[in-house]
């Protein structure tokens, strides 16, 4: 069964890459919504920012999947997959940064990490309180095998970068 899938994947790499990005990206979004709305673990500002890559890449990949199945030009497919690879690479860096903040490797954004005790003057205190996120970016809210959600996102985003890059490379190699 795996051998059949790999054989079919090699015959149309852009279609395969687009399908993988669509499906895994949709599963990732379903998982974060499950964590947020079923497990009641609120996302921090960095978590919400990491979702933007999926909001861009999942619909684009679905569109490319449809296009690849209908005989779209390989140049268009290649360009779309390059965009996906770039966005997912950016998300890999962002989620790696977020995981590092959670594990205290480096400081995070001041509005969602670090101490909440430096408000300055009383007049500035209300302004500061309005900008502070109650959900902390520097705390691991959930983990599995010692890996936080941001760590899993870094791995998934890197994997989707590789898949989209492979699809784009193969599209370029088989130019019309």
N, C-alpha and C. Protein backbone atom coordinates (compact mmCIF):
# COMPACT_ATOMS: atom_id res chain seq x y z
N UNK A 1 0.82 -1.19 0.00
CA UNK A 1 0.00 0.00 0.00
C UNK A 1 0.87 1.25 0.00
N UNK A 2 1.89 1.31 0.86
CA UNK A 2 2.80 2.44 0.89
C UNK A 2 3.57 2.55 -0.42
N UNK A 3 3.95 1.39 -0.97
CA UNK A 3 4.68 1.39 -2.24
C UNK A 3 3.81 1.96 -3.36
N UNK A 4 2.50 1.64 -3.35
CA UNK A 4 1.59 2.18 -4.35
C UNK A 4 1.47 3.70 -4.22
N UNK A 5 1.35 4.16 -2.98
CA UNK A 5 1.24 5.59 -2.74
C UNK A 5 2.50 6.31 -3.23
N UNK A 6 3.68 5.75 -2.89
CA UNK A 6 4.93 6.39 -3.31
C UNK A 6 5.08 6.40 -4.83
N UNK A 7 4.63 5.34 -5.48
CA UNK A 7 4.69 5.29 -6.94
C UNK A 7 3.79 6.37 -7.55
N UNK A 8 2.60 6.53 -7.02
CA UNK A 8 1.68 7.56 -7.51
C UNK A 8 2.21 8.96 -7.18
N UNK A 9 2.83 9.10 -6.03
CA UNK A 9 3.38 10.39 -5.63
C UNK A 9 4.48 10.83 -6.59
N UNK A 10 5.25 9.90 -7.06
CA UNK A 10 6.34 10.25 -7.98
C UNK A 10 5.83 10.65 -9.36
N UNK A 11 4.66 10.20 -9.74
CA UNK A 11 4.14 10.55 -11.07
C UNK A 11 3.61 11.98 -11.11
N UNK A 12 3.13 12.53 -9.99
CA UNK A 12 2.62 13.90 -9.97
C UNK A 12 3.00 14.56 -8.64
N UNK A 13 4.28 14.92 -8.48
CA UNK A 13 4.73 15.52 -7.21
C UNK A 13 3.98 16.79 -6.80
N UNK A 14 3.65 17.71 -7.71
CA UNK A 14 2.91 18.90 -7.24
C UNK A 14 1.57 18.56 -6.62
N UNK A 15 0.86 17.62 -7.22
CA UNK A 15 -0.43 17.19 -6.67
C UNK A 15 -0.23 16.56 -5.30
N UNK A 16 0.76 15.71 -5.19
CA UNK A 16 1.04 15.04 -3.92
C UNK A 16 1.43 16.04 -2.84
N UNK A 17 2.33 16.97 -3.18
CA UNK A 17 2.76 17.97 -2.21
C UNK A 17 1.60 18.84 -1.76
N UNK A 18 0.78 19.27 -2.71
CA UNK A 18 -0.38 20.10 -2.36
C UNK A 18 -1.36 19.33 -1.48
N UNK A 19 -1.57 18.06 -1.78
CA UNK A 19 -2.49 17.25 -0.98
C UNK A 19 -1.96 17.08 0.45
N UNK A 20 -0.67 16.82 0.57
CA UNK A 20 -0.08 16.63 1.91
C UNK A 20 -0.18 17.92 2.73
N UNK A 21 0.15 19.05 2.11
CA UNK A 21 0.08 20.33 2.83
C UNK A 21 -1.37 20.62 3.23
N UNK A 22 -2.30 20.39 2.32
CA UNK A 22 -3.71 20.64 2.63
C UNK A 22 -4.18 19.79 3.81
N UNK A 23 -3.93 18.50 3.73
CA UNK A 23 -4.44 17.58 4.75
C UNK A 23 -3.76 17.77 6.09
N UNK A 24 -2.43 17.83 6.11
CA UNK A 24 -1.73 18.00 7.38
C UNK A 24 -1.98 19.38 7.98
N UNK A 25 -2.08 20.40 7.14
CA UNK A 25 -2.39 21.74 7.64
C UNK A 25 -3.78 21.80 8.24
N UNK A 26 -4.75 21.16 7.59
CA UNK A 26 -6.11 21.13 8.13
C UNK A 26 -6.17 20.36 9.45
N UNK A 27 -5.42 19.27 9.54
CA UNK A 27 -5.36 18.51 10.80
C UNK A 27 -4.73 19.37 11.89
N UNK A 28 -3.68 20.11 11.56
CA UNK A 28 -3.04 20.98 12.55
C UNK A 28 -4.02 22.03 13.07
N UNK A 29 -4.76 22.65 12.17
CA UNK A 29 -5.76 23.64 12.61
C UNK A 29 -6.85 22.99 13.46
N UNK A 30 -7.29 21.81 13.06
CA UNK A 30 -8.29 21.10 13.86
C UNK A 30 -7.76 20.81 15.27
N UNK A 31 -6.51 20.44 15.35
CA UNK A 31 -5.90 20.15 16.66
C UNK A 31 -5.84 21.39 17.54
N UNK A 32 -5.41 22.53 16.97
CA UNK A 32 -5.31 23.73 17.81
C UNK A 32 -6.69 24.23 18.23
N UNK A 33 -7.68 24.05 17.37
CA UNK A 33 -9.04 24.44 17.77
C UNK A 33 -9.58 23.47 18.83
N UNK A 34 -9.22 22.20 18.76
CA UNK A 34 -9.60 21.24 19.79
C UNK A 34 -8.99 21.65 21.13
N UNK A 35 -7.71 21.97 21.10
CA UNK A 35 -7.02 22.38 22.33
C UNK A 35 -7.68 23.64 22.90
N UNK A 36 -8.03 24.58 22.02
CA UNK A 36 -8.60 25.83 22.48
C UNK A 36 -10.04 25.69 22.96
N UNK A 37 -10.89 25.01 22.20
CA UNK A 37 -12.32 25.02 22.51
C UNK A 37 -12.83 23.79 23.25
N UNK A 38 -12.08 22.70 23.24
CA UNK A 38 -12.50 21.51 23.98
C UNK A 38 -11.70 21.36 25.27
N UNK A 39 -10.38 21.57 25.16
CA UNK A 39 -9.54 21.47 26.36
C UNK A 39 -9.48 22.79 27.13
N UNK A 40 -10.02 23.85 26.56
CA UNK A 40 -10.09 25.18 27.18
C UNK A 40 -8.71 25.73 27.54
N UNK A 41 -7.75 25.53 26.64
CA UNK A 41 -6.42 26.11 26.81
C UNK A 41 -6.33 27.28 25.83
N UNK A 42 -6.35 28.48 26.36
CA UNK A 42 -6.36 29.68 25.52
C UNK A 42 -4.99 29.87 24.86
N UNK A 43 -4.98 30.30 23.60
CA UNK A 43 -3.71 30.54 22.91
C UNK A 43 -3.12 31.89 23.31
N UNK A 44 -1.81 31.95 23.32
CA UNK A 44 -1.11 33.21 23.58
C UNK A 44 -0.98 33.98 22.25
N UNK A 45 -0.52 35.21 22.29
CA UNK A 45 -0.37 35.97 21.05
C UNK A 45 0.55 35.31 20.02
N UNK A 46 1.63 34.67 20.45
CA UNK A 46 2.50 33.98 19.50
C UNK A 46 1.82 32.76 18.89
N UNK A 47 1.00 32.07 19.67
CA UNK A 47 0.23 30.93 19.13
C UNK A 47 -0.70 31.40 18.01
N UNK A 48 -1.37 32.51 18.26
CA UNK A 48 -2.29 33.04 17.26
C UNK A 48 -1.55 33.47 16.00
N UNK A 49 -0.37 34.04 16.18
CA UNK A 49 0.43 34.46 15.02
C UNK A 49 0.90 33.26 14.20
N UNK A 50 1.19 32.15 14.87
CA UNK A 50 1.63 30.94 14.16
C UNK A 50 0.51 30.36 13.29
N UNK A 51 -0.73 30.60 13.63
CA UNK A 51 -1.84 30.08 12.83
C UNK A 51 -1.95 30.77 11.47
N UNK A 52 -1.43 31.97 11.36
CA UNK A 52 -1.55 32.73 10.11
C UNK A 52 -0.97 31.95 8.94
N UNK A 53 0.14 31.26 9.15
CA UNK A 53 0.75 30.48 8.07
C UNK A 53 -0.22 29.42 7.55
N UNK A 54 -0.96 28.79 8.44
CA UNK A 54 -1.91 27.76 8.03
C UNK A 54 -3.12 28.38 7.33
N UNK A 55 -3.53 29.56 7.79
CA UNK A 55 -4.64 30.25 7.14
C UNK A 55 -4.29 30.62 5.69
N UNK A 56 -3.02 30.85 5.43
CA UNK A 56 -2.56 31.16 4.07
C UNK A 56 -2.35 29.88 3.27
N UNK A 57 -1.63 28.92 3.86
CA UNK A 57 -1.16 27.76 3.11
C UNK A 57 -2.21 26.69 2.85
N UNK A 58 -3.11 26.46 3.77
CA UNK A 58 -4.11 25.41 3.56
C UNK A 58 -5.03 25.73 2.38
N UNK A 59 -5.62 26.93 2.30
CA UNK A 59 -6.45 27.20 1.12
C UNK A 59 -5.63 27.24 -0.18
N UNK A 60 -4.42 27.80 -0.12
CA UNK A 60 -3.58 27.83 -1.31
C UNK A 60 -3.23 26.42 -1.76
N UNK A 61 -2.88 25.56 -0.82
CA UNK A 61 -2.56 24.18 -1.17
C UNK A 61 -3.77 23.44 -1.73
N UNK A 62 -4.95 23.70 -1.16
CA UNK A 62 -6.17 23.08 -1.69
C UNK A 62 -6.42 23.54 -3.13
N UNK A 63 -6.20 24.80 -3.37
CA UNK A 63 -6.36 25.35 -4.72
C UNK A 63 -5.33 24.71 -5.68
N UNK A 64 -4.10 24.55 -5.22
CA UNK A 64 -3.07 23.91 -6.05
C UNK A 64 -3.39 22.43 -6.28
N UNK A 65 -3.93 21.78 -5.28
CA UNK A 65 -4.32 20.37 -5.40
C UNK A 65 -5.37 20.23 -6.51
N UNK A 66 -6.37 21.11 -6.46
CA UNK A 66 -7.39 21.11 -7.49
C UNK A 66 -6.78 21.41 -8.86
N UNK A 67 -5.92 22.41 -8.91
CA UNK A 67 -5.27 22.76 -10.17
C UNK A 67 -4.41 21.65 -10.73
N UNK A 68 -3.66 20.99 -9.86
CA UNK A 68 -2.80 19.89 -10.31
C UNK A 68 -3.62 18.72 -10.82
N UNK A 69 -4.79 18.50 -10.24
CA UNK A 69 -5.64 17.40 -10.70
C UNK A 69 -6.35 17.73 -12.01
N UNK A 70 -6.41 19.02 -12.35
CA UNK A 70 -7.08 19.46 -13.57
C UNK A 70 -6.09 19.88 -14.67
N UNK A 71 -4.81 19.63 -14.46
CA UNK A 71 -3.82 19.92 -15.49
C UNK A 71 -3.35 21.36 -15.56
N UNK A 72 -3.27 22.04 -14.42
CA UNK A 72 -2.79 23.43 -14.39
C UNK A 72 -1.34 23.48 -14.86
N UNK A 73 -0.90 24.62 -15.37
CA UNK A 73 0.49 24.74 -15.81
C UNK A 73 1.47 24.50 -14.65
N UNK A 74 2.53 23.79 -14.96
CA UNK A 74 3.51 23.45 -13.92
C UNK A 74 4.16 24.70 -13.31
N UNK A 75 4.33 25.75 -14.12
CA UNK A 75 4.91 26.99 -13.58
C UNK A 75 4.03 27.58 -12.48
N UNK A 76 2.74 27.56 -12.68
CA UNK A 76 1.81 28.08 -11.67
C UNK A 76 1.86 27.22 -10.41
N UNK A 77 1.90 25.92 -10.61
CA UNK A 77 1.98 25.02 -9.46
C UNK A 77 3.29 25.23 -8.71
N UNK A 78 4.38 25.37 -9.47
CA UNK A 78 5.68 25.58 -8.84
C UNK A 78 5.69 26.88 -8.03
N UNK A 79 5.16 27.95 -8.60
CA UNK A 79 5.13 29.22 -7.89
C UNK A 79 4.30 29.13 -6.61
N UNK A 80 3.15 28.50 -6.69
CA UNK A 80 2.32 28.33 -5.50
C UNK A 80 3.01 27.52 -4.42
N UNK A 81 3.71 26.47 -4.82
CA UNK A 81 4.43 25.64 -3.84
C UNK A 81 5.63 26.38 -3.25
N UNK A 82 6.26 27.24 -4.04
CA UNK A 82 7.36 28.06 -3.51
C UNK A 82 6.82 29.03 -2.45
N UNK A 83 5.66 29.61 -2.71
CA UNK A 83 5.04 30.50 -1.73
C UNK A 83 4.75 29.73 -0.44
N UNK A 84 4.18 28.55 -0.57
CA UNK A 84 3.89 27.73 0.61
C UNK A 84 5.17 27.40 1.37
N UNK A 85 6.21 27.01 0.64
CA UNK A 85 7.49 26.68 1.29
C UNK A 85 8.03 27.89 2.04
N UNK A 86 7.95 29.07 1.44
CA UNK A 86 8.44 30.28 2.10
C UNK A 86 7.65 30.63 3.35
N UNK A 87 6.34 30.55 3.27
CA UNK A 87 5.49 30.87 4.42
C UNK A 87 5.72 29.84 5.55
N UNK A 88 5.84 28.58 5.19
CA UNK A 88 6.07 27.56 6.21
C UNK A 88 7.47 27.66 6.81
N UNK A 89 8.43 28.10 6.02
CA UNK A 89 9.78 28.32 6.57
C UNK A 89 9.75 29.46 7.57
N UNK A 90 9.02 30.53 7.24
CA UNK A 90 8.85 31.64 8.18
C UNK A 90 8.18 31.13 9.47
N UNK A 91 7.16 30.28 9.32
CA UNK A 91 6.47 29.74 10.49
C UNK A 91 7.36 28.81 11.30
N UNK A 92 8.26 28.10 10.63
CA UNK A 92 9.22 27.26 11.35
C UNK A 92 10.07 28.14 12.27
N UNK A 93 10.55 29.26 11.74
CA UNK A 93 11.36 30.17 12.56
C UNK A 93 10.54 30.75 13.71
N UNK A 94 9.30 31.16 13.43
CA UNK A 94 8.45 31.73 14.47
C UNK A 94 8.14 30.72 15.56
N UNK A 95 7.79 29.50 15.19
CA UNK A 95 7.45 28.50 16.21
C UNK A 95 8.69 28.04 16.96
N UNK A 96 9.86 28.03 16.32
CA UNK A 96 11.10 27.71 17.03
C UNK A 96 11.40 28.81 18.05
N UNK A 97 11.22 30.06 17.63
CA UNK A 97 11.38 31.18 18.56
C UNK A 97 10.42 31.03 19.74
N UNK A 98 9.15 30.71 19.45
CA UNK A 98 8.16 30.57 20.51
C UNK A 98 8.53 29.42 21.47
N UNK A 99 8.96 28.30 20.92
CA UNK A 99 9.37 27.18 21.78
C UNK A 99 10.56 27.59 22.65
N UNK A 100 11.48 28.33 22.09
CA UNK A 100 12.62 28.82 22.87
C UNK A 100 12.21 29.75 23.99
N UNK A 101 11.19 30.57 23.72
CA UNK A 101 10.66 31.46 24.76
C UNK A 101 10.02 30.62 25.87
N UNK A 102 9.26 29.60 25.47
CA UNK A 102 8.60 28.74 26.47
C UNK A 102 9.61 28.02 27.36
N UNK A 103 10.71 27.59 26.79
CA UNK A 103 11.71 26.85 27.55
C UNK A 103 12.79 27.75 28.12
N UNK A 104 12.54 29.08 28.06
CA UNK A 104 13.43 30.09 28.67
C UNK A 104 14.82 30.11 28.06
N UNK A 105 14.95 29.77 26.76
CA UNK A 105 16.23 29.87 26.08
C UNK A 105 16.56 31.33 25.77
N UNK A 106 15.54 32.15 25.54
CA UNK A 106 15.69 33.56 25.25
C UNK A 106 14.41 34.28 25.67
N UNK A 107 14.50 35.59 25.83
CA UNK A 107 13.30 36.34 26.25
C UNK A 107 12.29 36.44 25.11
N UNK A 108 11.04 36.54 25.50
CA UNK A 108 9.97 36.68 24.52
C UNK A 108 9.48 38.12 24.43
N UNK A 109 8.42 38.33 23.70
CA UNK A 109 7.84 39.67 23.60
C UNK A 109 7.41 40.18 24.97
N UNK A 110 7.59 41.46 25.22
CA UNK A 110 7.29 41.99 26.55
C UNK A 110 5.80 41.99 26.87
N UNK A 111 4.93 41.96 25.85
CA UNK A 111 3.50 42.00 26.16
C UNK A 111 2.95 40.65 26.58
N UNK A 112 3.70 39.55 26.42
CA UNK A 112 3.16 38.25 26.83
C UNK A 112 4.20 37.36 27.52
N UNK A 113 5.31 37.92 27.94
CA UNK A 113 6.30 37.13 28.68
C UNK A 113 7.05 38.04 29.64
N UNK A 114 7.75 37.43 30.56
CA UNK A 114 8.50 38.19 31.55
C UNK A 114 7.61 38.61 32.71
N UNK A 115 8.18 39.39 33.63
CA UNK A 115 7.41 39.80 34.81
C UNK A 115 6.33 40.81 34.47
N UNK A 116 5.27 40.79 35.27
CA UNK A 116 4.15 41.71 35.09
C UNK A 116 4.18 42.79 36.17
N UNK A 117 5.32 42.99 36.79
CA UNK A 117 5.37 43.89 37.93
C UNK A 117 5.99 45.25 37.63
N UNK A 118 6.39 45.55 36.43
CA UNK A 118 7.05 46.82 36.11
C UNK A 118 6.10 47.70 35.32
N UNK A 119 5.26 48.44 36.03
CA UNK A 119 4.27 49.28 35.38
C UNK A 119 4.71 50.73 35.25
N UNK A 120 5.71 51.14 36.00
CA UNK A 120 6.14 52.54 35.95
C UNK A 120 5.22 53.41 36.79
N UNK A 121 4.97 54.61 36.29
CA UNK A 121 4.15 55.57 37.04
C UNK A 121 2.69 55.12 37.08
N UNK A 122 1.94 55.67 38.03
CA UNK A 122 0.54 55.32 38.17
C UNK A 122 -0.24 55.72 36.92
N UNK A 123 0.09 56.85 36.33
CA UNK A 123 -0.59 57.29 35.12
C UNK A 123 -0.35 56.35 33.95
N UNK A 124 0.78 55.71 33.93
CA UNK A 124 1.14 54.79 32.85
C UNK A 124 0.61 53.37 33.11
N UNK A 125 0.20 53.11 34.35
CA UNK A 125 -0.20 51.76 34.74
C UNK A 125 -1.42 51.26 33.95
N UNK A 126 -2.45 52.08 33.78
CA UNK A 126 -3.64 51.68 33.04
C UNK A 126 -3.30 51.37 31.59
N UNK A 127 -2.46 52.20 31.00
CA UNK A 127 -2.02 51.98 29.63
C UNK A 127 -1.27 50.65 29.51
N UNK A 128 -0.40 50.36 30.45
CA UNK A 128 0.37 49.11 30.45
C UNK A 128 -0.56 47.90 30.62
N UNK A 129 -1.54 48.01 31.52
CA UNK A 129 -2.45 46.90 31.77
C UNK A 129 -3.28 46.55 30.54
N UNK A 130 -3.60 47.54 29.73
CA UNK A 130 -4.39 47.30 28.52
C UNK A 130 -3.59 46.55 27.46
N UNK A 131 -2.28 46.64 27.49
CA UNK A 131 -1.44 45.99 26.47
C UNK A 131 -0.93 44.62 26.88
N UNK A 132 -1.07 44.24 28.12
CA UNK A 132 -0.52 42.98 28.61
C UNK A 132 -1.48 41.83 28.33
N UNK A 133 -0.96 40.74 27.80
CA UNK A 133 -1.75 39.54 27.56
C UNK A 133 -1.77 38.70 28.82
N UNK A 134 -2.95 38.22 29.18
CA UNK A 134 -3.05 37.37 30.36
C UNK A 134 -2.58 35.95 30.07
N UNK A 135 -2.60 35.56 28.80
CA UNK A 135 -2.07 34.25 28.42
C UNK A 135 -0.59 34.45 28.11
N UNK A 136 0.24 33.77 28.85
CA UNK A 136 1.68 33.99 28.78
C UNK A 136 2.32 33.20 27.64
N UNK A 137 3.20 33.84 26.90
CA UNK A 137 3.95 33.19 25.82
C UNK A 137 5.13 32.38 26.36
N UNK A 138 5.55 32.69 27.57
CA UNK A 138 6.74 32.04 28.12
C UNK A 138 6.40 30.88 29.06
N UNK A 139 5.18 30.38 28.99
CA UNK A 139 4.79 29.22 29.78
C UNK A 139 4.25 28.14 28.85
N UNK A 140 4.68 26.91 29.09
CA UNK A 140 4.19 25.78 28.30
C UNK A 140 2.80 25.43 28.83
N UNK A 141 1.79 25.60 27.99
CA UNK A 141 0.43 25.33 28.44
C UNK A 141 0.06 23.86 28.30
N UNK A 142 0.71 23.16 27.39
CA UNK A 142 0.45 21.73 27.16
C UNK A 142 1.67 21.14 26.47
N UNK A 143 2.02 19.92 26.84
CA UNK A 143 3.15 19.26 26.17
C UNK A 143 2.91 17.76 26.12
N UNK A 144 3.58 17.12 25.20
CA UNK A 144 3.55 15.67 25.05
C UNK A 144 4.98 15.22 24.82
N UNK A 145 5.45 14.29 25.64
CA UNK A 145 6.83 13.82 25.59
C UNK A 145 7.82 14.96 25.77
N UNK A 146 7.43 15.97 26.53
CA UNK A 146 8.30 17.11 26.80
C UNK A 146 8.37 18.12 25.68
N UNK A 147 7.53 17.97 24.66
CA UNK A 147 7.53 18.90 23.53
C UNK A 147 6.24 19.71 23.59
N UNK A 148 6.38 21.03 23.55
CA UNK A 148 5.21 21.91 23.61
C UNK A 148 4.52 21.97 22.25
N UNK A 149 3.35 22.59 22.24
CA UNK A 149 2.64 22.78 20.97
C UNK A 149 3.48 23.58 19.98
N UNK A 150 4.21 24.58 20.48
CA UNK A 150 5.08 25.35 19.60
C UNK A 150 6.20 24.48 19.03
N UNK A 151 6.70 23.56 19.83
CA UNK A 151 7.73 22.62 19.34
C UNK A 151 7.18 21.70 18.26
N UNK A 152 5.96 21.20 18.47
CA UNK A 152 5.34 20.36 17.44
C UNK A 152 5.09 21.17 16.17
N UNK A 153 4.68 22.43 16.34
CA UNK A 153 4.45 23.27 15.17
C UNK A 153 5.74 23.52 14.41
N UNK A 154 6.85 23.69 15.11
CA UNK A 154 8.14 23.88 14.44
C UNK A 154 8.48 22.67 13.57
N UNK A 155 8.26 21.49 14.12
CA UNK A 155 8.56 20.26 13.36
C UNK A 155 7.62 20.10 12.17
N UNK A 156 6.32 20.34 12.39
CA UNK A 156 5.35 20.21 11.30
C UNK A 156 5.61 21.25 10.21
N UNK A 157 5.87 22.48 10.61
CA UNK A 157 6.13 23.54 9.63
C UNK A 157 7.38 23.23 8.81
N UNK A 158 8.41 22.72 9.46
CA UNK A 158 9.62 22.34 8.72
C UNK A 158 9.32 21.20 7.75
N UNK A 159 8.54 20.23 8.19
CA UNK A 159 8.16 19.12 7.30
C UNK A 159 7.35 19.60 6.11
N UNK A 160 6.41 20.53 6.33
CA UNK A 160 5.62 21.05 5.23
C UNK A 160 6.46 21.93 4.30
N UNK A 161 7.48 22.60 4.86
CA UNK A 161 8.42 23.34 4.02
C UNK A 161 9.14 22.41 3.07
N UNK A 162 9.60 21.28 3.60
CA UNK A 162 10.31 20.30 2.78
C UNK A 162 9.39 19.72 1.71
N UNK A 163 8.17 19.37 2.09
CA UNK A 163 7.22 18.79 1.14
C UNK A 163 6.91 19.78 0.02
N UNK A 164 6.61 21.03 0.38
CA UNK A 164 6.31 22.04 -0.65
C UNK A 164 7.53 22.31 -1.51
N UNK A 165 8.70 22.34 -0.90
CA UNK A 165 9.93 22.53 -1.68
C UNK A 165 10.17 21.40 -2.65
N UNK A 166 9.92 20.18 -2.20
CA UNK A 166 10.05 19.01 -3.08
C UNK A 166 9.08 19.11 -4.26
N UNK A 167 7.84 19.46 -3.98
CA UNK A 167 6.85 19.60 -5.05
C UNK A 167 7.25 20.69 -6.04
N UNK A 168 7.77 21.81 -5.54
CA UNK A 168 8.21 22.89 -6.42
C UNK A 168 9.41 22.47 -7.24
N UNK A 169 10.36 21.79 -6.61
CA UNK A 169 11.57 21.33 -7.31
C UNK A 169 11.21 20.36 -8.43
N UNK A 170 10.32 19.44 -8.13
CA UNK A 170 9.91 18.47 -9.14
C UNK A 170 9.10 19.14 -10.26
N UNK A 171 8.34 20.17 -9.92
CA UNK A 171 7.61 20.92 -10.96
C UNK A 171 8.59 21.60 -11.91
N UNK A 172 9.65 22.14 -11.32
CA UNK A 172 10.66 22.83 -12.13
C UNK A 172 11.43 21.83 -12.99
N UNK A 173 11.71 20.66 -12.42
CA UNK A 173 12.48 19.65 -13.15
C UNK A 173 11.71 19.12 -14.36
N UNK A 174 10.40 19.12 -14.28
CA UNK A 174 9.56 18.59 -15.38
C UNK A 174 8.86 19.75 -16.09
N UNK A 175 9.64 20.76 -16.48
CA UNK A 175 9.07 21.95 -17.12
C UNK A 175 8.34 21.58 -18.40
N UNK A 176 7.29 22.38 -18.71
CA UNK A 176 6.52 22.18 -19.93
C UNK A 176 7.33 22.56 -21.15
